[in-house]
Amino acid sequence: MRRFAERATMVELADWRARHEAIIELARGRTVESALIKRSSEVDQAFHQALVESTRNPLMISAHAHMM
């Protein structure tokens, strides 16, 4: 997480915040539960992928890819 925080740009951070806030809005808007779960899972997986890639550690990146 530290590596991500050190390397992420303000634009990237704003993008991730917007993605997470969009999920909150979907929940407030009473989106169908299956669609909400699908979208939140997509954002969660993408965020974790970004965190892992920010380490620039080939072993971690490979291990994470195999888990997914």
PDB file of N, CA and C in Angstrom:
ATOM      1  N   MET A   1       0.819  -1.175   0.000  1.00  0.00           N
ATOM      2  CA  MET A   1       0.000   0.000   0.000  1.00  0.00           C
ATOM      3  C   MET A   1       0.874   1.254   0.000  1.00  0.00           C
ATOM      4  N   ARG A   2       1.986   1.199   0.747  1.00  0.00           N
ATOM      5  CA  ARG A   2       2.874   2.355   0.797  1.00  0.00           C
ATOM      6  C   ARG A   2       3.412   2.704  -0.583  1.00  0.00           C
ATOM      7  N   ARG A   3       3.803   1.667  -1.343  1.00  0.00           N
ATOM      8  CA  ARG A   3       4.342   1.918  -2.689  1.00  0.00           C
ATOM      9  C   ARG A   3       3.300   2.592  -3.577  1.00  0.00           C
ATOM     10  N   PHE A   4       2.073   2.127  -3.472  1.00  0.00           N
ATOM     11  CA  PHE A   4       1.000   2.731  -4.262  1.00  0.00           C
ATOM     12  C   PHE A   4       0.848   4.201  -3.880  1.00  0.00           C
ATOM     13  N   ALA A   5       0.802   4.471  -2.589  1.00  0.00           N
ATOM     14  CA  ALA A   5       0.626   5.843  -2.111  1.00  0.00           C
ATOM     15  C   ALA A   5       1.785   6.739  -2.538  1.00  0.00           C
ATOM     16  N   GLU A   6       2.987   6.184  -2.575  1.00  0.00           N
ATOM     17  CA  GLU A   6       4.153   6.961  -2.970  1.00  0.00           C
ATOM     18  C   GLU A   6       4.171   7.249  -4.473  1.00  0.00           C
ATOM     19  N   ARG A   7       3.624   6.338  -5.250  1.00  0.00           N
ATOM     20  CA  ARG A   7       3.753   6.450  -6.709  1.00  0.00           C
ATOM     21  C   ARG A   7       2.505   6.963  -7.420  1.00  0.00           C
ATOM     22  N   ALA A   8       1.369   6.897  -6.777  1.00  0.00           N
ATOM     23  CA  ALA A   8       0.127   7.306  -7.440  1.00  0.00           C
ATOM     24  C   ALA A   8       0.078   8.822  -7.615  1.00  0.00           C
ATOM     25  N   THR A   9      -0.441   9.217  -8.749  1.00  0.00           N
ATOM     26  CA  THR A   9      -0.615  10.648  -8.997  1.00  0.00           C
ATOM     27  C   THR A   9      -1.935  11.108  -8.380  1.00  0.00           C
ATOM     28  N   MET A  10      -2.098  12.393  -8.246  1.00  0.00           N
ATOM     29  CA  MET A  10      -3.355  12.936  -7.723  1.00  0.00           C
ATOM     30  C   MET A  10      -4.519  12.580  -8.642  1.00  0.00           C
ATOM     31  N   VAL A  11      -4.257  12.516  -9.939  1.00  0.00           N
ATOM     32  CA  VAL A  11      -5.296  12.134 -10.896  1.00  0.00           C
ATOM     33  C   VAL A  11      -5.736  10.693 -10.668  1.00  0.00           C
ATOM     34  N   GLU A  12      -4.764   9.796 -10.450  1.00  0.00           N
ATOM     35  CA  GLU A  12      -5.092   8.395 -10.178  1.00  0.00           C
ATOM     36  C   GLU A  12      -5.894   8.261  -8.882  1.00  0.00           C
ATOM     37  N   LEU A  13      -5.468   8.960  -7.843  1.00  0.00           N
ATOM     38  CA  LEU A  13      -6.189   8.897  -6.573  1.00  0.00           C
ATOM     39  C   LEU A  13      -7.611   9.421  -6.718  1.00  0.00           C
ATOM     40  N   ALA A  14      -7.763  10.497  -7.459  1.00  0.00           N
ATOM     41  CA  ALA A  14      -9.101  11.050  -7.679  1.00  0.00           C
ATOM     42  C   ALA A  14      -9.971  10.065  -8.463  1.00  0.00           C
ATOM     43  N   ASP A  15      -9.369   9.376  -9.416  1.00  0.00           N
ATOM     44  CA  ASP A  15     -10.111   8.378 -10.191  1.00  0.00           C
ATOM     45  C   ASP A  15     -10.599   7.239  -9.303  1.00  0.00           C
ATOM     46  N   TRP A  16      -9.709   6.727  -8.436  1.00  0.00           N
ATOM     47  CA  TRP A  16     -10.116   5.640  -7.537  1.00  0.00           C
ATOM     48  C   TRP A  16     -11.196   6.102  -6.565  1.00  0.00           C
ATOM     49  N   ARG A  17     -11.058   7.322  -6.092  1.00  0.00           N
ATOM     50  CA  ARG A  17     -12.093   7.846  -5.192  1.00  0.00           C
ATOM     51  C   ARG A  17     -13.436   7.933  -5.918  1.00  0.00           C
ATOM     52  N   ALA A  18     -13.413   8.422  -7.147  1.00  0.00           N
ATOM     53  CA  ALA A  18     -14.651   8.533  -7.919  1.00  0.00           C
ATOM     54  C   ALA A  18     -15.282   7.163  -8.163  1.00  0.00           C
ATOM     55  N   ARG A  19     -14.457   6.164  -8.443  1.00  0.00           N
ATOM     56  CA  ARG A  19     -14.986   4.815  -8.649  1.00  0.00           C
ATOM     57  C   ARG A  19     -15.658   4.278  -7.394  1.00  0.00           C
ATOM     58  N   HIS A  20     -15.028   4.508  -6.255  1.00  0.00           N
ATOM     59  CA  HIS A  20     -15.605   4.041  -4.993  1.00  0.00           C
ATOM     60  C   HIS A  20     -16.876   4.822  -4.633  1.00  0.00           C
ATOM     61  N   GLU A  21     -16.857   6.114  -4.868  1.00  0.00           N
ATOM     62  CA  GLU A  21     -18.050   6.917  -4.582  1.00  0.00           C
ATOM     63  C   GLU A  21     -19.215   6.539  -5.496  1.00  0.00           C
ATOM     64  N   ALA A  22     -18.902   6.140  -6.719  1.00  0.00           N
ATOM     65  CA  ALA A  22     -19.961   5.701  -7.641  1.00  0.00           C
ATOM     66  C   ALA A  22     -20.660   4.450  -7.108  1.00  0.00           C
ATOM     67  N   ILE A  23     -19.905   3.585  -6.472  1.00  0.00           N
ATOM     68  CA  ILE A  23     -20.504   2.384  -5.876  1.00  0.00           C
ATOM     69  C   ILE A  23     -21.439   2.780  -4.729  1.00  0.00           C
ATOM     70  N   ILE A  24     -21.010   3.737  -3.930  1.00  0.00           N
ATOM     71  CA  ILE A  24     -21.861   4.212  -2.837  1.00  0.00           C
ATOM     72  C   ILE A  24     -23.159   4.782  -3.397  1.00  0.00           C
ATOM     73  N   GLU A  25     -23.050   5.528  -4.468  1.00  0.00           N
ATOM     74  CA  GLU A  25     -24.254   6.096  -5.091  1.00  0.00           C
ATOM     75  C   GLU A  25     -25.163   4.998  -5.651  1.00  0.00           C
ATOM     76  N   LEU A  26     -24.579   3.963  -6.216  1.00  0.00           N
ATOM     77  CA  LEU A  26     -25.391   2.840  -6.691  1.00  0.00           C
ATOM     78  C   LEU A  26     -26.170   2.222  -5.536  1.00  0.00           C
ATOM     79  N   ALA A  27     -25.515   2.090  -4.403  1.00  0.00           N
ATOM     80  CA  ALA A  27     -26.170   1.507  -3.233  1.00  0.00           C
ATOM     81  C   ALA A  27     -27.286   2.423  -2.729  1.00  0.00           C
ATOM     82  N   ARG A  28     -27.029   3.703  -2.722  1.00  0.00           N
ATOM     83  CA  ARG A  28     -28.048   4.660  -2.277  1.00  0.00           C
ATOM     84  C   ARG A  28     -29.231   4.701  -3.238  1.00  0.00           C
ATOM     85  N   GLY A  29     -28.927   4.451  -4.511  1.00  0.00           N
ATOM     86  CA  GLY A  29     -29.975   4.493  -5.533  1.00  0.00           C
ATOM     87  C   GLY A  29     -30.767   3.203  -5.611  1.00  0.00           C
ATOM     88  N   ARG A  30     -30.465   2.297  -4.707  1.00  0.00           N
ATOM     89  CA  ARG A  30     -31.162   1.014  -4.638  1.00  0.00           C
ATOM     90  C   ARG A  30     -31.021   0.208  -5.924  1.00  0.00           C
ATOM     91  N   THR A  31     -29.810   0.218  -6.444  1.00  0.00           N
ATOM     92  CA  THR A  31     -29.494  -0.600  -7.605  1.00  0.00           C
ATOM     93  C   THR A  31     -29.726  -2.066  -7.253  1.00  0.00           C
ATOM     94  N   VAL A  32     -30.132  -2.832  -8.236  1.00  0.00           N
ATOM     95  CA  VAL A  32     -30.336  -4.265  -8.018  1.00  0.00           C
ATOM     96  C   VAL A  32     -29.072  -4.845  -7.388  1.00  0.00           C
ATOM     97  N   GLU A  33     -29.268  -5.649  -6.352  1.00  0.00           N
ATOM     98  CA  GLU A  33     -28.142  -6.158  -5.570  1.00  0.00           C
ATOM     99  C   GLU A  33     -27.093  -6.867  -6.419  1.00  0.00           C
ATOM    100  N   SER A  34     -27.517  -7.670  -7.366  1.00  0.00           N
ATOM    101  CA  SER A  34     -26.552  -8.404  -8.187  1.00  0.00           C
ATOM    102  C   SER A  34     -25.688  -7.452  -9.010  1.00  0.00           C
ATOM    103  N   ALA A  35     -26.269  -6.381  -9.516  1.00  0.00           N
ATOM    104  CA  ALA A  35     -25.501  -5.397 -10.292  1.00  0.00           C
ATOM    105  C   ALA A  35     -24.533  -4.639  -9.387  1.00  0.00           C
ATOM    106  N   LEU A  36     -24.968  -4.337  -8.180  1.00  0.00           N
ATOM    107  CA  LEU A  36     -24.114  -3.644  -7.222  1.00  0.00           C
ATOM    108  C   LEU A  36     -22.927  -4.521  -6.828  1.00  0.00           C
ATOM    109  N   ILE A  37     -23.189  -5.769  -6.569  1.00  0.00           N
ATOM    110  CA  ILE A  37     -22.117  -6.707  -6.211  1.00  0.00           C
ATOM    111  C   ILE A  37     -21.139  -6.855  -7.374  1.00  0.00           C
ATOM    112  N   LYS A  38     -21.665  -6.977  -8.576  1.00  0.00           N
ATOM    113  CA  LYS A  38     -20.808  -7.123  -9.760  1.00  0.00           C
ATOM    114  C   LYS A  38     -19.894  -5.910  -9.923  1.00  0.00           C
ATOM    115  N   ARG A  39     -20.463  -4.718  -9.835  1.00  0.00           N
ATOM    116  CA  ARG A  39     -19.679  -3.504 -10.038  1.00  0.00           C
ATOM    117  C   ARG A  39     -18.660  -3.311  -8.911  1.00  0.00           C
ATOM    118  N   SER A  40     -19.074  -3.557  -7.685  1.00  0.00           N
ATOM    119  CA  SER A  40     -18.142  -3.374  -6.573  1.00  0.00           C
ATOM    120  C   SER A  40     -17.005  -4.397  -6.643  1.00  0.00           C
ATOM    121  N   SER A  41     -17.293  -5.603  -7.100  1.00  0.00           N
ATOM    122  CA  SER A  41     -16.242  -6.615  -7.267  1.00  0.00           C
ATOM    123  C   SER A  41     -15.250  -6.202  -8.346  1.00  0.00           C
ATOM    124  N   GLU A  42     -15.755  -5.637  -9.436  1.00  0.00           N
ATOM    125  CA  GLU A  42     -14.871  -5.182 -10.519  1.00  0.00           C
ATOM    126  C   GLU A  42     -13.919  -4.096 -10.014  1.00  0.00           C
ATOM    127  N   VAL A  43     -14.469  -3.132  -9.281  1.00  0.00           N
ATOM    128  CA  VAL A  43     -13.640  -2.040  -8.765  1.00  0.00           C
ATOM    129  C   VAL A  43     -12.638  -2.574  -7.739  1.00  0.00           C
ATOM    130  N   ASP A  44     -13.089  -3.458  -6.877  1.00  0.00           N
ATOM    131  CA  ASP A  44     -12.210  -4.048  -5.862  1.00  0.00           C
ATOM    132  C   ASP A  44     -11.046  -4.795  -6.504  1.00  0.00           C
ATOM    133  N   GLN A  45     -11.339  -5.618  -7.488  1.00  0.00           N
ATOM    134  CA  GLN A  45     -10.277  -6.375  -8.157  1.00  0.00           C
ATOM    135  C   GLN A  45      -9.307  -5.452  -8.883  1.00  0.00           C
ATOM    136  N   ALA A  46      -9.835  -4.434  -9.541  1.00  0.00           N
ATOM    137  CA  ALA A  46      -8.971  -3.492 -10.257  1.00  0.00           C
ATOM    138  C   ALA A  46      -8.083  -2.710  -9.288  1.00  0.00           C
ATOM    139  N   PHE A  47      -8.654  -2.334  -8.140  1.00  0.00           N
ATOM    140  CA  PHE A  47      -7.876  -1.593  -7.148  1.00  0.00           C
ATOM    141  C   PHE A  47      -6.752  -2.463  -6.584  1.00  0.00           C
ATOM    142  N   HIS A  48      -7.067  -3.699  -6.247  1.00  0.00           N
ATOM    143  CA  HIS A  48      -6.035  -4.591  -5.731  1.00  0.00           C
ATOM    144  C   HIS A  48      -4.963  -4.869  -6.788  1.00  0.00           C
ATOM    145  N   GLN A  49      -5.365  -4.973  -8.032  1.00  0.00           N
ATOM    146  CA  GLN A  49      -4.393  -5.155  -9.114  1.00  0.00           C
ATOM    147  C   GLN A  49      -3.451  -3.954  -9.179  1.00  0.00           C
ATOM    148  N   ALA A  50      -4.010  -2.767  -9.066  1.00  0.00           N
ATOM    149  CA  ALA A  50      -3.182  -1.552  -9.084  1.00  0.00           C
ATOM    150  C   ALA A  50      -2.226  -1.528  -7.897  1.00  0.00           C
ATOM    151  N   LEU A  51      -2.713  -1.945  -6.730  1.00  0.00           N
ATOM    152  CA  LEU A  51      -1.845  -1.991  -5.549  1.00  0.00           C
ATOM    153  C   LEU A  51      -0.682  -2.953  -5.760  1.00  0.00           C
ATOM    154  N   VAL A  52      -0.979  -4.134  -6.265  1.00  0.00           N
ATOM    155  CA  VAL A  52       0.060  -5.143  -6.477  1.00  0.00           C
ATOM    156  C   VAL A  52       1.053  -4.668  -7.538  1.00  0.00           C
ATOM    157  N   GLU A  53       0.546  -4.127  -8.627  1.00  0.00           N
ATOM    158  CA  GLU A  53       1.437  -3.664  -9.697  1.00  0.00           C
ATOM    159  C   GLU A  53       2.330  -2.517  -9.232  1.00  0.00           C
ATOM    160  N   SER A  54       1.848  -1.722  -8.294  1.00  0.00           N
ATOM    161  CA  SER A  54       2.644  -0.590  -7.816  1.00  0.00           C
ATOM    162  C   SER A  54       3.893  -1.037  -7.065  1.00  0.00           C
ATOM    163  N   THR A  55       3.910  -2.296  -6.611  1.00  0.00           N
ATOM    164  CA  THR A  55       5.102  -2.801  -5.928  1.00  0.00           C
ATOM    165  C   THR A  55       6.261  -3.000  -6.900  1.00  0.00           C
ATOM    166  N   ARG A  56       5.910  -3.195  -8.169  1.00  0.00           N
ATOM    167  CA  ARG A  56       6.904  -3.486  -9.215  1.00  0.00           C
ATOM    168  C   ARG A  56       7.712  -4.735  -8.872  1.00  0.00           C
ATOM    169  N   ASN A  57       7.068  -5.631  -8.140  1.00  0.00           N
ATOM    170  CA  ASN A  57       7.710  -6.873  -7.711  1.00  0.00           C
ATOM    171  C   ASN A  57       7.152  -8.004  -8.572  1.00  0.00           C
ATOM    172  N   PRO A  58       7.947  -8.542  -9.504  1.00  0.00           N
ATOM    173  CA  PRO A  58       7.457  -9.565 -10.418  1.00  0.00           C
ATOM    174  C   PRO A  58       6.878 -10.797  -9.712  1.00  0.00           C
ATOM    175  N   LEU A  59       7.469 -11.179  -8.592  1.00  0.00           N
ATOM    176  CA  LEU A  59       6.971 -12.339  -7.855  1.00  0.00           C
ATOM    177  C   LEU A  59       5.563 -12.080  -7.290  1.00  0.00           C
ATOM    178  N   MET A  60       5.380 -10.925  -6.686  1.00  0.00           N
ATOM    179  CA  MET A  60       4.058 -10.584  -6.148  1.00  0.00           C
ATOM    180  C   MET A  60       3.020 -10.461  -7.254  1.00  0.00           C
ATOM    181  N   ILE A  61       3.417  -9.830  -8.346  1.00  0.00           N
ATOM    182  CA  ILE A  61       2.499  -9.642  -9.462  1.00  0.00           C
ATOM    183  C   ILE A  61       2.082 -10.989 -10.036  1.00  0.00           C
ATOM    184  N   SER A  62       3.050 -11.890 -10.192  1.00  0.00           N
ATOM    185  CA  SER A  62       2.767 -13.217 -10.706  1.00  0.00           C
ATOM    186  C   SER A  62       1.874 -14.008  -9.756  1.00  0.00           C
ATOM    187  N   ALA A  63       2.183 -13.959  -8.464  1.00  0.00           N
ATOM    188  CA  ALA A  63       1.375 -14.678  -7.472  1.00  0.00           C
ATOM    189  C   ALA A  63      -0.048 -14.170  -7.451  1.00  0.00           C
ATOM    190  N   HIS A  64      -0.214 -12.866  -7.533  1.00  0.00           N
ATOM    191  CA  HIS A  64      -1.567 -12.289  -7.540  1.00  0.00           C
ATOM    192  C   HIS A  64      -2.332 -12.709  -8.785  1.00  0.00           C
ATOM    193  N   ALA A  65      -1.652 -12.718  -9.911  1.00  0.00           N
ATOM    194  CA  ALA A  65      -2.302 -13.130 -11.158  1.00  0.00           C
ATOM    195  C   ALA A  65      -2.784 -14.562 -11.085  1.00  0.00           C
ATOM    196  N   HIS A  66      -2.021 -15.419 -10.444  1.00  0.00           N
ATOM    197  CA  HIS A  66      -2.403 -16.829 -10.322  1.00  0.00           C
ATOM    198  C   HIS A  66      -3.572 -17.026  -9.359  1.00  0.00           C
ATOM    199  N   MET A  67      -3.711 -16.125  -8.404  1.00  0.00           N
ATOM    200  CA  MET A  67      -4.820 -16.205  -7.460  1.00  0.00           C
ATOM    201  C   MET A  67      -6.136 -15.759  -8.080  1.00  0.00           C
ATOM    202  N   MET A  68      -6.029 -14.925  -9.066  1.00  0.00           N
ATOM    203  CA  MET A  68      -7.243 -14.392  -9.678  1.00  0.00           C
ATOM    204  C   MET A  68      -7.696 -15.355 -10.722  1.00  0.00           C
TER     205      MET A  68
END
